[in-house]
Amino acid sequence: MKRIWLIIWLLIACLCKPALAQRFNTPDQLNQLRPLQDSLKRLGYQMFNNENDLERKNANYNFIRTLVKALKVPNSYAFNFDSLKTISILRSPDNKFRILTWYNMNEDGSYRFFGTIQMNTGGKLLLYPLEDYSAFIKNPEDSVVNNKKWFGAQYYKIIAVGTINPYYVLLGWKGHTVKSTKKVIEALSFKKTEPTFGMPVFQGNKKTRNRIVFEYNRQASMLLRYVPEQDIIVFDHLAPPDDKMKMQPDRYGPDLTYDGYKLTNGKWMYKDNLDMRNIPAPDDVDIVDPKKQALKDRSLVPVRKN
């Protein structure tokens, strides 16, 4: 009788979590993936640290080709690329996909972002390359785009919302120019399995937005993190040092108050002037402008801190 119940529970587990079925790589697959991972580590170091702009770009293009080659190895979704720290790799909480993102710094101090979404298909490779279209998106908070017109960022947190028709919220670092930095709260959904970025789920100040974009002085640091215990995204309130600079976002910085977006009935409602004494201590990492501190080791990403 116990054996019958054990079999039933195993069947239920398999039915409830089909996306988790693919877990292990064979020795042959590992023998293909590990050398490619080593190559990606070397190229990743070059694309972040080489002082020559052209060499950084060449390393980035070689990185892309090598990454695609690695992802084409059968069952690559099960390989975590644990030692590859120069890019962000996030799996969705339901394990339906993972999103890989990174950036390449231009000579003028601006950034271009790269990435791909790999779906958990159980074997067949399905990728959605992310093409940074940021320069051509005039009103990013009002825009809904696909993977070919992506508002590029390097993501460091993914939040699943809902279960029947879920969508996902991504927190990301966007860099910007030599004067200012951007961060983004992005919404990702899938229509007929294809990714869509932007969704009218952020409500506040008498307006509904498809995504939230913050811009502030490059020398400042901005808190942007998710607090799962309260289903709230908390962030520094940004303000200019003088009212005369309201139209200059590159002069903005934290003013020691905090706002947030609270998840309510599938939407994110704006809350101002949060009492941080009621917010648990942070356990997520954030991404700091890579120019503020050089890499000290080949295995490190641009510095992260709480």
Protein backbone atom coordinates (compact mmCIF):
# COMPACT_ATOMS: atom_id res chain seq x y z
CA MET A 1 0.00 0.00 0.00
CA LYS A 2 2.80 2.41 0.90
CA ARG A 3 4.47 1.66 -2.41
CA ILE A 4 1.28 2.51 -4.32
CA TRP A 5 0.96 5.85 -2.53
CA LEU A 6 4.62 6.61 -3.25
CA ILE A 7 4.05 5.99 -6.95
CA ILE A 8 0.95 8.22 -6.91
CA TRP A 9 2.84 11.07 -5.25
CA LEU A 10 5.68 10.78 -7.75
CA LEU A 11 3.20 10.97 -10.62
CA ILE A 12 1.56 14.04 -9.09
CA ALA A 13 4.95 15.69 -8.67
CA CYS A 14 5.82 15.02 -12.30
CA LEU A 15 2.49 16.39 -13.51
CA CYS A 16 2.68 19.51 -11.36
CA LYS A 17 6.28 20.36 -12.26
CA PRO A 18 6.87 19.43 -15.91
CA ALA A 19 9.43 22.20 -16.31
CA LEU A 20 11.67 20.59 -13.70
CA ALA A 21 12.02 17.26 -15.48
CA GLN A 22 15.24 18.17 -17.25
CA ARG A 23 17.95 18.35 -14.59
CA PHE A 24 21.15 16.52 -15.41
CA ASN A 25 23.79 16.54 -18.12
CA THR A 26 25.40 13.37 -19.40
CA PRO A 27 29.21 12.99 -19.16
CA ASP A 28 29.47 13.62 -22.90
CA GLN A 29 27.49 16.86 -22.61
CA LEU A 30 29.61 17.99 -19.66
CA ASN A 31 32.78 17.28 -21.66
CA GLN A 32 31.48 19.65 -24.34
CA LEU A 33 30.13 22.35 -22.03
CA ARG A 34 32.98 22.74 -19.54
CA PRO A 35 35.65 23.77 -22.10
CA LEU A 36 33.15 26.20 -23.65
CA GLN A 37 32.48 27.64 -20.20
CA ASP A 38 36.23 28.16 -19.74
CA SER A 39 36.36 30.02 -23.07
CA LEU A 40 33.43 32.18 -22.02
CA LYS A 41 35.22 33.08 -18.77
CA ARG A 42 38.31 34.23 -20.68
CA LEU A 43 36.29 36.22 -23.21
CA GLY A 44 34.14 37.71 -20.46
CA TYR A 45 37.20 39.00 -18.68
CA GLN A 46 38.46 40.62 -21.90
CA MET A 47 35.16 42.27 -22.81
CA PHE A 48 35.05 43.98 -19.40
CA ASN A 49 38.70 44.73 -18.75
CA ASN A 50 40.54 45.29 -22.02
CA GLU A 51 41.43 48.99 -22.27
CA ASN A 52 41.02 48.97 -26.05
CA ASP A 53 37.45 49.62 -27.16
CA LEU A 54 37.77 47.54 -30.33
CA GLU A 55 39.25 44.61 -28.42
CA ARG A 56 36.37 44.72 -25.92
CA LYS A 57 33.87 44.61 -28.76
CA ASN A 58 35.70 41.77 -30.51
CA ALA A 59 35.73 39.80 -27.27
CA ASN A 60 32.01 40.43 -26.91
CA TYR A 61 31.22 39.16 -30.42
CA ASN A 62 33.34 36.06 -29.81
CA PHE A 63 31.57 35.62 -26.49
CA ILE A 64 28.19 35.62 -28.26
CA ARG A 65 29.32 33.02 -30.80
CA THR A 66 30.78 30.81 -28.08
CA LEU A 67 27.66 31.13 -25.92
CA VAL A 68 25.40 30.12 -28.82
CA LYS A 69 27.65 27.13 -29.47
CA ALA A 70 27.37 26.13 -25.81
CA LEU A 71 23.60 26.52 -25.73
CA LYS A 72 23.31 24.31 -28.83
CA VAL A 73 24.75 21.38 -26.86
CA PRO A 74 21.85 19.01 -26.10
CA ASN A 75 20.32 19.55 -22.67
CA SER A 76 22.30 22.80 -22.19
CA TYR A 77 19.43 24.24 -20.15
CA ALA A 78 20.43 21.91 -17.31
CA PHE A 79 23.97 23.35 -17.24
CA ASN A 80 24.21 26.26 -14.79
CA PHE A 81 27.45 27.90 -15.99
CA ASP A 82 28.29 28.28 -12.31
CA SER A 83 31.82 29.57 -12.84
CA LEU A 84 30.75 32.16 -15.44
CA LYS A 85 30.35 35.32 -13.34
CA THR A 86 30.69 38.04 -15.97
CA ILE A 87 27.03 37.84 -17.02
CA SER A 88 23.73 37.58 -15.19
CA ILE A 89 21.86 34.26 -15.49
CA LEU A 90 18.41 34.16 -13.90
CA ARG A 91 15.97 31.26 -13.95
CA SER A 92 12.29 32.06 -13.63
CA PRO A 93 10.82 30.86 -10.31
CA ASP A 94 8.66 28.35 -12.23
CA ASN A 95 11.73 27.22 -14.22
CA LYS A 96 10.03 27.78 -17.57
CA PHE A 97 12.96 29.79 -18.92
CA ARG A 98 16.19 31.50 -18.02
CA ILE A 99 17.36 34.91 -19.12
CA LEU A 100 21.03 35.73 -19.70
CA THR A 101 22.05 39.40 -19.87
CA TRP A 102 25.24 41.44 -19.92
CA TYR A 103 26.65 44.71 -21.28
CA ASN A 104 29.55 46.08 -23.26
CA MET A 105 30.87 49.54 -22.35
CA ASN A 106 31.48 51.93 -25.23
CA GLU A 107 34.48 54.25 -25.48
CA ASP A 108 32.32 57.27 -24.62
CA GLY A 109 31.20 55.72 -21.32
CA SER A 110 27.77 54.62 -22.55
CA TYR A 111 26.62 50.99 -22.67
CA ARG A 112 25.08 48.50 -25.04
CA PHE A 113 23.25 45.51 -23.63
CA PHE A 114 23.07 41.93 -24.86
CA GLY A 115 21.15 38.87 -23.87
CA THR A 116 18.98 35.91 -24.73
CA ILE A 117 16.05 33.99 -23.29
CA GLN A 118 16.41 30.21 -23.27
CA MET A 119 13.15 28.32 -22.89
CA ASN A 120 12.99 25.10 -20.90
CA THR A 121 11.66 22.89 -23.68
CA GLY A 122 12.88 19.56 -22.32
CA GLY A 123 15.48 19.09 -25.04
CA LYS A 124 14.92 21.14 -28.21
CA LEU A 125 16.79 24.45 -28.24
CA LEU A 126 14.55 27.53 -28.25
CA LEU A 127 16.29 30.89 -27.90
CA TYR A 128 15.03 34.45 -28.15
CA PRO A 129 18.01 36.76 -28.71
CA LEU A 130 17.61 40.19 -27.10
CA GLU A 131 18.52 43.12 -29.36
CA ASP A 132 19.11 46.41 -27.55
CA TYR A 133 16.85 49.04 -29.13
CA SER A 134 17.09 51.55 -26.27
CA ALA A 135 18.36 54.47 -28.35
CA PHE A 136 15.22 54.36 -30.52
CA ILE A 137 12.60 54.00 -27.77
CA LYS A 138 11.45 57.56 -27.14
CA ASN A 139 8.96 56.88 -24.34
CA PRO A 140 10.16 53.72 -22.59
CA GLU A 141 7.62 53.86 -19.75
CA ASP A 142 4.78 53.78 -22.30
CA SER A 143 6.26 51.25 -24.73
CA VAL A 144 5.51 47.56 -25.28
CA VAL A 145 8.23 45.82 -27.30
CA ASN A 146 9.45 42.39 -28.32
CA ASN A 147 12.88 40.78 -28.04
CA LYS A 148 14.02 42.46 -31.26
CA LYS A 149 13.32 45.94 -29.86
CA TRP A 150 14.43 45.33 -26.29
CA PHE A 151 14.93 48.10 -23.72
CA GLY A 152 18.28 46.63 -22.71
CA ALA A 153 19.43 46.07 -19.13
CA GLN A 154 21.39 43.61 -17.03
CA TYR A 155 18.87 41.96 -14.73
CA TYR A 156 19.64 40.88 -11.20
CA LYS A 157 16.22 39.82 -9.88
CA ILE A 158 13.20 38.03 -11.36
CA ILE A 159 9.75 37.86 -9.73
CA ALA A 160 6.90 35.66 -10.91
CA VAL A 161 3.38 37.09 -10.65
CA GLY A 162 0.36 34.76 -10.89
CA THR A 163 0.25 31.09 -11.84
CA ILE A 164 -2.36 30.47 -14.57
CA ASN A 165 -1.20 33.24 -16.93
CA PRO A 166 1.94 34.40 -15.15
CA TYR A 167 4.04 37.38 -15.99
CA TYR A 168 7.44 38.28 -14.60
CA VAL A 169 8.97 41.42 -13.16
CA LEU A 170 12.67 42.03 -13.70
CA LEU A 171 14.88 44.44 -11.78
CA GLY A 172 17.83 45.64 -13.82
CA TRP A 173 20.82 47.94 -13.99
CA LYS A 174 21.01 49.92 -17.21
CA GLY A 175 23.99 52.22 -16.98
CA HIS A 176 23.63 55.17 -19.33
CA THR A 177 26.26 57.87 -19.87
CA VAL A 178 29.32 59.36 -18.19
CA LYS A 179 26.96 61.61 -16.20
CA SER A 180 24.00 59.43 -15.27
CA THR A 181 22.93 55.86 -14.53
CA LYS A 182 19.58 54.18 -15.05
CA LYS A 183 17.74 51.32 -13.40
CA VAL A 184 14.57 49.67 -14.58
CA ILE A 185 11.60 47.69 -13.32
CA GLU A 186 10.59 45.63 -16.36
CA ALA A 187 7.55 43.45 -17.05
CA LEU A 188 7.99 40.31 -19.16
CA SER A 189 5.19 38.13 -20.49
CA PHE A 190 4.86 35.43 -23.13
CA LYS A 191 2.26 35.44 -25.90
CA LYS A 192 2.16 32.15 -27.81
CA THR A 193 5.54 31.41 -26.18
CA GLU A 194 7.12 34.60 -27.62
CA PRO A 195 8.43 37.23 -25.16
CA THR A 196 6.88 40.66 -24.76
CA PHE A 197 8.49 43.39 -22.66
CA GLY A 198 6.27 46.00 -21.08
CA MET A 199 2.84 45.62 -19.49
CA PRO A 200 0.37 48.12 -17.97
CA VAL A 201 0.74 46.87 -14.42
CA PHE A 202 2.53 49.76 -12.66
CA GLN A 203 0.02 52.22 -11.25
CA GLY A 204 0.61 55.48 -9.42
CA ASN A 205 0.52 59.26 -9.62
CA LYS A 206 -2.67 59.06 -11.73
CA LYS A 207 -0.90 57.10 -14.46
CA THR A 208 -0.40 53.50 -15.54
CA ARG A 209 3.05 52.60 -16.86
CA ASN A 210 4.40 49.62 -18.81
CA ARG A 211 7.76 49.78 -17.07
CA ILE A 212 9.51 52.03 -14.57
CA VAL A 213 12.76 53.79 -15.44
CA PHE A 214 14.94 55.64 -12.92
CA GLU A 215 17.76 58.01 -13.85
CA TYR A 216 20.21 59.56 -11.40
CA ASN A 217 23.74 60.90 -11.01
CA ARG A 218 26.40 58.37 -11.92
CA GLN A 219 28.32 59.01 -8.72
CA ALA A 220 25.31 58.07 -6.59
CA SER A 221 24.05 54.62 -5.56
CA MET A 222 20.36 53.75 -5.71
CA LEU A 223 18.57 51.02 -3.76
CA LEU A 224 16.15 48.95 -5.87
CA ARG A 225 15.17 45.57 -4.44
CA TYR A 226 12.27 43.21 -3.94
CA VAL A 227 11.01 42.33 -0.46
CA PRO A 228 9.20 38.96 -0.86
CA GLU A 229 7.83 38.97 2.69
CA GLN A 230 5.69 41.99 1.81
CA ASP A 231 5.37 41.61 -1.98
CA ILE A 232 6.84 45.06 -2.46
CA ILE A 233 9.59 46.57 -4.60
CA VAL A 234 11.45 49.18 -2.55
CA PHE A 235 13.59 51.98 -3.95
CA ASP A 236 15.29 55.23 -3.00
CA HIS A 237 13.28 58.35 -3.70
CA LEU A 238 15.36 60.38 -6.15
CA ALA A 239 15.44 64.17 -6.04
CA PRO A 240 17.63 67.01 -7.35
CA PRO A 241 19.84 68.95 -4.91
CA ASP A 242 17.98 72.11 -5.95
CA ASP A 243 14.51 72.71 -7.40
CA LYS A 244 16.15 74.56 -10.28
CA MET A 245 17.61 71.21 -11.43
CA LYS A 246 14.29 69.34 -11.76
CA MET A 247 14.85 68.95 -15.50
CA GLN A 248 18.35 67.52 -15.03
CA PRO A 249 18.07 63.83 -14.04
CA ASP A 250 21.85 63.48 -14.11
CA ARG A 251 21.88 65.64 -10.95
CA TYR A 252 19.37 63.47 -9.06
CA GLY A 253 20.26 61.29 -6.08
CA PRO A 254 18.65 59.57 -3.05
CA ASP A 255 17.12 61.97 -0.51
CA LEU A 256 17.04 59.41 2.35
CA THR A 257 13.34 58.60 1.88
CA TYR A 258 11.93 55.48 0.23
CA ASP A 259 9.05 54.65 -2.09
CA GLY A 260 7.81 51.36 -3.50
CA TYR A 261 5.42 49.34 -5.63
CA LYS A 262 3.15 46.98 -3.72
CA LEU A 263 1.70 43.91 -5.48
CA THR A 264 -2.10 44.11 -5.21
CA ASN A 265 -4.43 41.90 -7.27
CA GLY A 266 -1.80 41.32 -9.95
CA LYS A 267 -0.90 45.02 -10.29
CA TRP A 268 1.87 47.07 -8.68
CA MET A 269 0.51 50.05 -6.75
CA TYR A 270 2.77 53.00 -5.96
CA LYS A 271 3.43 53.71 -2.27
CA ASP A 272 5.38 56.75 -1.17
CA ASN A 273 7.33 57.58 1.96
CA LEU A 274 7.75 54.00 3.19
CA ASP A 275 8.81 53.31 6.75
CA MET A 276 11.99 51.28 6.23
CA ARG A 277 11.89 50.12 9.84
CA ASN A 278 9.20 47.67 8.71
CA ILE A 279 11.25 46.40 5.76
CA PRO A 280 13.43 43.30 6.35
CA ALA A 281 17.18 43.59 5.83
CA PRO A 282 18.18 43.14 2.17
CA ASP A 283 19.21 39.72 0.91
CA ASP A 284 19.34 40.55 -2.80
CA VAL A 285 22.40 41.87 -4.60
CA ASP A 286 22.50 44.99 -6.67
CA ILE A 287 24.81 46.02 -9.48
CA VAL A 288 27.16 48.93 -9.02
CA ASP A 289 28.53 51.00 -11.87
CA PRO A 290 31.52 48.95 -13.09
CA LYS A 291 33.72 52.02 -13.48
CA LYS A 292 33.69 52.59 -9.72
CA GLN A 293 35.86 49.61 -8.94
CA ALA A 294 38.08 47.51 -11.18
CA LEU A 295 37.78 43.76 -11.31
CA LYS A 296 40.22 42.05 -8.98
CA ASP A 297 39.81 38.52 -10.26
CA ARG A 298 39.01 36.87 -13.57
CA SER A 299 36.00 35.12 -12.07
CA LEU A 300 34.31 38.27 -10.73
CA VAL A 301 31.49 40.29 -12.25
CA PRO A 302 31.45 44.07 -12.05
CA VAL A 303 31.20 44.68 -8.34
CA ARG A 304 27.91 43.91 -6.57
CA LYS A 305 26.77 45.01 -3.16
CA ASN A 306 23.59 45.06 -1.08
